Amino acid sequence: MAIKSLLKKIFSGRKSLEKIFSGGKQVEKPTEKKQQNVPTLKLIFFIVDWHSANIVSDVCSEENVRFHFTSLGKGTASSEVLDLLGIGASEKAVVTCLEQEIGVPLLMKEVRKKLKNYGPGAGIAFSVPLSAINDPILLIFKQSILKNEKITADDIKSEGENMADKYSHDLIISIINQGFSDEFMNTAKEAGATGGTVIHSRGTAHRGAVKVFGVSVQDEKELILILTEREKKETIMRSICEAHGLNSKAQGIIFSVPVDNVMGLSAD
C-alpha cells in the first residue's frame, strides 16, 4: 500500500508541474501536432501558335500564376487534326506553368476565353500531376493560397463537366538526337499518334550515364511531346522504342506521364 501511495504522489506531482510550466493550459504532445495543409500542385502545358504566346502569358500574370515560362516548339500534326488540336506544322509556343490543382480549371477557362477569336486550331491545354517538388517552391504556395476566394464550387463543377475523365490521356516524352524528329513522328503517326510538338534543347548528360547506356551524347537534342489517348499509348511507345530507341541512330530516351484536365482551347 505504501508503494502504491508513493507512486500516486509522484505522478500527481508530475501533472502539477506540467500545469505550472504550461500556464495552466493543457500541454500538447508532439505527436498530436496538426500537420499543415499541403497544396496539391500541377504542371500545366498550353500549346498554342507562337503569336498567341503573349495572350497565354498575360492570363497567367492576371491570375497571379507565380511560375510560368515559354519555349519555342514546332508542331507536327497532320492537316486532318489541325482543327481539332491546333498543333499543326508551324512554330508553336509551349507555355508551362505551375499552379494549384483548384486553380487549373479556372486558368484553362480564362485562356480559352482570350483565344476565342482565333477559331478552330487555337491550341490545346492539359495538366500533369506532380509527385514531388523542392521545398522553397512548396513553401510559397503554403504561405499564399491563391484564388481560393475567387473560385466557387459552381465554377469548378461547370468546367469539370467539359473535362475528359481523369487520366484518360498520357503524355509521351521523348529525347532524341537532333535531325530525327521527322522520322520519329512518321513512326508515331503510323502507330496511331495524331501529332506532337518538337522542342529543340541541349543535352547535358553526365559521362557516367553515357558510359552506362552507351549513348553518344550530342549537344543538340530534340524533345518531342505527344499527347495521346491512354489506350493508344502502349502501341505508340512500343513502335517508337523499337525504331528510335537507344540502339538506333536517334538514341531515344522515351517515357510517359499521366495527364488530366485535357482541353481544346478553341471556342465552342
Protein backbone atom coordinates (compact mmCIF):
# COMPACT_ATOMS: atom_id res chain seq x y z
CA MET A 1 0.00 0.00 0.00
CA ALA A 2 2.88 2.38 0.84
CA ILE A 3 4.43 1.86 -2.63
CA LYS A 4 1.09 2.47 -4.34
CA SER A 5 0.60 5.70 -2.39
CA LEU A 6 4.13 6.88 -3.26
CA LEU A 7 3.62 6.26 -7.00
CA LYS A 8 0.33 8.14 -6.88
CA LYS A 9 2.04 11.19 -5.36
CA ILE A 10 4.88 11.10 -7.91
CA PHE A 11 2.56 11.05 -10.96
CA SER A 12 0.15 13.59 -9.49
CA GLY A 13 3.11 15.86 -8.81
CA ARG A 14 4.25 15.45 -12.41
CA LYS A 15 0.85 16.62 -13.65
CA SER A 16 1.03 19.63 -11.34
CA LEU A 17 4.45 20.60 -12.71
CA GLU A 18 3.14 20.32 -16.29
CA LYS A 19 0.33 22.71 -15.40
CA ILE A 20 2.78 25.19 -13.81
CA PHE A 21 5.14 25.29 -16.82
CA SER A 22 2.28 25.43 -19.32
CA GLY A 23 0.49 28.27 -17.55
CA GLY A 24 -2.39 26.04 -16.59
CA LYS A 25 -3.04 25.05 -20.20
CA GLN A 26 -3.08 21.52 -21.44
CA VAL A 27 0.29 20.53 -22.88
CA GLU A 28 0.04 19.37 -26.50
CA LYS A 29 2.05 16.28 -27.22
CA PRO A 30 4.36 16.43 -30.27
CA THR A 31 2.51 13.53 -31.88
CA GLU A 32 -0.73 15.48 -31.62
CA LYS A 33 0.51 18.48 -33.63
CA LYS A 34 -1.63 19.13 -36.63
CA GLN A 35 0.09 18.89 -39.99
CA GLN A 36 -0.04 21.94 -42.20
CA ASN A 37 -2.18 21.63 -45.27
CA VAL A 38 -0.05 20.88 -48.31
CA PRO A 39 -1.45 22.32 -51.57
CA THR A 40 -1.72 19.91 -54.49
CA LEU A 41 0.25 21.34 -57.41
CA LYS A 42 0.09 20.55 -61.11
CA LEU A 43 2.14 21.41 -64.16
CA ILE A 44 0.01 22.88 -66.94
CA PHE A 45 1.01 22.86 -70.61
CA PHE A 46 -0.51 25.29 -73.12
CA ILE A 47 0.49 24.55 -76.74
CA VAL A 48 -0.57 27.42 -78.98
CA ASP A 49 0.60 29.28 -82.09
CA TRP A 50 3.66 31.40 -81.38
CA HIS A 51 1.78 34.66 -81.92
CA SER A 52 -0.62 33.66 -79.11
CA ALA A 53 2.10 33.12 -76.52
CA ASN A 54 1.73 36.62 -75.08
CA ILE A 55 -2.02 36.09 -74.62
CA VAL A 56 -1.45 32.99 -72.50
CA SER A 57 1.35 34.69 -70.58
CA ASP A 58 -0.85 37.71 -69.86
CA VAL A 59 -3.61 35.48 -68.48
CA CYS A 60 -1.08 33.77 -66.22
CA SER A 61 0.00 37.17 -64.91
CA GLU A 62 -3.59 38.33 -64.41
CA GLU A 63 -4.41 35.15 -62.49
CA ASN A 64 -1.30 35.53 -60.30
CA VAL A 65 0.34 32.34 -61.54
CA ARG A 66 3.72 32.60 -59.89
CA PHE A 67 5.75 30.32 -62.14
CA HIS A 68 5.37 30.13 -65.90
CA PHE A 69 7.76 30.14 -68.86
CA THR A 70 7.56 29.87 -72.64
CA SER A 71 9.52 27.62 -75.02
CA LEU A 72 9.63 27.66 -78.80
CA GLY A 73 8.49 24.46 -80.49
CA LYS A 74 7.39 23.11 -83.85
CA GLY A 75 4.07 21.39 -84.43
CA THR A 76 3.96 18.14 -86.41
CA ALA A 77 0.26 17.29 -86.62
CA SER A 78 -1.30 16.34 -89.92
CA SER A 79 -3.73 18.78 -91.50
CA GLU A 80 -6.64 16.43 -90.69
CA VAL A 81 -6.27 17.05 -86.95
CA LEU A 82 -5.17 20.69 -87.08
CA ASP A 83 -8.70 21.97 -86.48
CA LEU A 84 -9.12 19.64 -83.53
CA LEU A 85 -5.84 20.07 -81.66
CA GLY A 86 -4.23 23.20 -83.01
CA ILE A 87 -0.78 21.64 -83.23
CA GLY A 88 -0.06 21.72 -86.94
CA ALA A 89 3.32 22.05 -88.66
CA SER A 90 4.24 25.61 -87.65
CA GLU A 91 6.03 27.48 -84.90
CA LYS A 92 4.42 26.75 -81.56
CA ALA A 93 4.70 28.21 -78.10
CA VAL A 94 4.78 25.75 -75.23
CA VAL A 95 3.77 27.70 -72.15
CA THR A 96 4.41 25.75 -68.97
CA CYS A 97 3.13 26.92 -65.60
CA LEU A 98 2.85 25.68 -62.04
CA GLU A 99 -0.49 26.07 -60.31
CA GLN A 100 -2.61 24.66 -57.52
CA GLU A 101 -4.99 21.90 -58.52
CA ILE A 102 -8.01 24.00 -57.56
CA GLY A 103 -6.91 26.76 -59.95
CA VAL A 104 -6.34 24.61 -63.04
CA PRO A 105 -9.91 24.65 -64.44
CA LEU A 106 -10.24 28.42 -63.99
CA LEU A 107 -6.88 29.14 -65.65
CA MET A 108 -7.74 26.98 -68.66
CA LYS A 109 -11.16 28.60 -68.90
CA GLU A 110 -9.69 32.11 -68.90
CA VAL A 111 -7.14 31.24 -71.59
CA ARG A 112 -9.85 29.77 -73.80
CA LYS A 113 -11.90 32.97 -73.39
CA LYS A 114 -8.95 35.08 -74.55
CA LEU A 115 -8.34 32.85 -77.57
CA LYS A 116 -11.98 32.70 -78.67
CA ASN A 117 -11.34 34.99 -81.66
CA TYR A 118 -8.76 32.61 -83.13
CA GLY A 119 -11.32 29.99 -84.13
CA PRO A 120 -10.50 26.32 -84.77
CA GLY A 121 -6.94 25.24 -84.05
CA ALA A 122 -6.37 27.75 -81.22
CA GLY A 123 -4.37 25.17 -79.31
CA ILE A 124 -4.63 22.61 -76.56
CA ALA A 125 -4.04 22.54 -72.81
CA PHE A 126 -3.52 19.75 -70.31
CA SER A 127 -2.16 19.28 -66.81
CA VAL A 128 0.23 16.77 -65.27
CA PRO A 129 0.20 15.85 -61.56
CA LEU A 130 3.46 16.32 -59.68
CA SER A 131 4.95 13.61 -57.49
CA ALA A 132 7.42 15.95 -55.73
CA ILE A 133 8.79 19.49 -55.76
CA ASN A 134 11.54 21.34 -53.91
CA ASP A 135 10.59 22.78 -50.53
CA PRO A 136 11.09 26.53 -51.21
CA ILE A 137 8.55 26.44 -54.06
CA LEU A 138 6.08 24.47 -51.97
CA LEU A 139 6.51 26.95 -49.11
CA ILE A 140 5.48 29.83 -51.36
CA PHE A 141 2.19 28.11 -52.13
CA LYS A 142 1.65 27.24 -48.46
CA GLN A 143 2.09 30.86 -47.39
CA SER A 144 -0.18 32.28 -50.04
CA ILE A 145 -3.14 30.11 -51.08
CA LEU A 146 -4.11 31.73 -54.36
CA LYS A 147 -7.55 32.36 -55.75
CA ASN A 148 -9.47 30.25 -53.25
CA GLU A 149 -11.92 33.04 -52.58
CA LYS A 150 -12.35 33.63 -56.32
CA ILE A 151 -13.17 30.07 -57.24
CA THR A 152 -16.66 28.85 -56.42
CA ALA A 153 -17.98 25.33 -56.45
CA ASP A 154 -20.14 26.22 -59.46
CA ASP A 155 -17.07 27.34 -61.44
CA ILE A 156 -15.30 24.05 -60.82
CA LYS A 157 -18.40 21.94 -61.46
CA SER A 158 -19.35 23.63 -64.73
CA GLU A 159 -15.83 23.49 -66.08
CA GLY A 160 -15.29 19.96 -64.86
CA GLU A 161 -18.25 18.75 -66.89
CA ASN A 162 -16.37 19.69 -70.06
CA MET A 163 -13.15 17.97 -69.00
CA ALA A 164 -12.07 14.49 -70.05
CA ASP A 165 -12.08 11.75 -67.43
CA LYS A 166 -9.09 11.85 -65.10
CA TYR A 167 -6.04 10.13 -66.54
CA SER A 168 -7.75 9.26 -69.81
CA HIS A 169 -4.69 10.58 -71.66
CA ASP A 170 -0.92 10.21 -71.41
CA LEU A 171 1.95 12.46 -72.45
CA ILE A 172 4.75 10.58 -74.19
CA ILE A 173 8.02 12.45 -73.71
CA SER A 174 10.96 11.55 -75.95
CA ILE A 175 14.50 12.92 -76.04
CA ILE A 176 16.28 12.12 -79.30
CA ASN A 177 19.30 13.29 -81.27
CA GLN A 178 18.74 16.31 -83.46
CA GLY A 179 17.63 15.66 -87.02
CA PHE A 180 15.48 12.58 -86.41
CA SER A 181 12.18 14.21 -85.43
CA ASP A 182 10.56 13.73 -88.87
CA GLU A 183 11.34 10.00 -88.97
CA PHE A 184 10.30 9.69 -85.34
CA MET A 185 6.93 11.36 -85.90
CA ASN A 186 6.25 9.28 -89.02
CA THR A 187 6.67 6.15 -86.91
CA ALA A 188 4.47 7.58 -84.15
CA LYS A 189 1.69 8.52 -86.59
CA GLU A 190 1.73 5.07 -88.19
CA ALA A 191 1.20 3.67 -84.69
CA GLY A 192 -1.80 5.94 -84.04
CA ALA A 193 -0.45 9.29 -82.85
CA THR A 194 -2.28 12.32 -84.23
CA GLY A 195 0.63 14.71 -83.84
CA GLY A 196 3.19 16.14 -81.48
CA THR A 197 5.32 19.14 -80.63
CA VAL A 198 9.11 19.29 -81.07
CA ILE A 199 11.23 21.46 -78.79
CA HIS A 200 14.91 22.00 -79.58
CA SER A 201 17.07 21.56 -76.50
CA ARG A 202 20.62 20.86 -75.36
CA GLY A 203 21.78 17.59 -73.81
CA THR A 204 23.79 17.69 -70.57
CA ALA A 205 24.11 14.01 -69.65
CA HIS A 206 26.91 13.03 -67.28
CA ARG A 207 29.79 10.96 -68.65
CA GLY A 208 28.83 8.11 -66.35
CA ALA A 209 25.33 7.95 -67.78
CA VAL A 210 26.75 7.93 -71.31
CA LYS A 211 29.03 5.04 -70.47
CA VAL A 212 26.26 3.00 -68.86
CA PHE A 213 23.67 3.48 -71.57
CA GLY A 214 26.11 3.54 -74.46
CA VAL A 215 24.74 6.87 -75.65
CA SER A 216 26.97 9.22 -77.62
CA VAL A 217 25.62 12.48 -76.27
CA GLN A 218 25.22 15.33 -78.72
CA ASP A 219 24.88 18.91 -77.56
CA GLU A 220 21.74 19.44 -79.62
CA LYS A 221 18.70 17.36 -78.77
CA GLU A 222 15.03 17.34 -79.71
CA LEU A 223 12.37 16.99 -77.05
CA ILE A 224 9.15 15.57 -78.52
CA LEU A 225 5.80 15.78 -76.71
CA ILE A 226 3.00 13.51 -77.89
CA LEU A 227 -0.39 13.73 -76.22
CA THR A 228 -2.39 10.57 -76.78
CA GLU A 229 -5.40 8.69 -75.51
CA ARG A 230 -4.41 6.11 -72.90
CA GLU A 231 -5.49 3.08 -74.94
CA LYS A 232 -3.12 4.11 -77.77
CA LYS A 233 -0.08 4.76 -75.58
CA GLU A 234 1.33 1.23 -75.42
CA THR A 235 1.22 0.72 -79.19
CA ILE A 236 2.82 4.09 -79.92
CA MET A 237 5.58 3.66 -77.33
CA ARG A 238 6.40 0.15 -78.50
CA SER A 239 6.75 1.31 -82.11
CA ILE A 240 8.92 4.36 -81.41
CA CYS A 241 11.10 2.45 -78.93
CA GLU A 242 11.78 -0.29 -81.47
CA ALA A 243 12.58 2.15 -84.28
CA HIS A 244 14.16 5.07 -82.42
CA GLY A 245 15.31 3.75 -79.05
CA LEU A 246 18.79 3.76 -77.53
CA ASN A 247 20.13 1.24 -80.06
CA SER A 248 19.11 3.41 -83.03
CA LYS A 249 20.77 6.47 -84.54
CA ALA A 250 18.17 8.64 -82.81
CA GLN A 251 19.21 7.13 -79.44
CA GLY A 252 15.84 8.00 -77.95
CA ILE A 253 15.02 8.08 -74.26
CA ILE A 254 11.26 7.61 -74.08
CA PHE A 255 8.84 7.70 -71.14
CA SER A 256 5.27 8.75 -70.37
CA VAL A 257 3.34 10.52 -67.60
CA PRO A 258 -0.40 10.53 -66.85
CA VAL A 259 -2.35 13.59 -67.98
CA ASP A 260 -5.62 15.06 -66.74
CA ASN A 261 -7.75 18.13 -67.46
CA VAL A 262 -7.31 17.90 -71.24
CA MET A 263 -8.99 20.82 -73.00
CA GLY A 264 -9.07 22.19 -76.54
CA LEU A 265 -8.61 25.97 -76.50
CA SER A 266 -10.90 26.68 -79.46
CA ALA A 267 -14.15 28.44 -78.63
CA ASP A 268 -17.26 26.23 -78.51
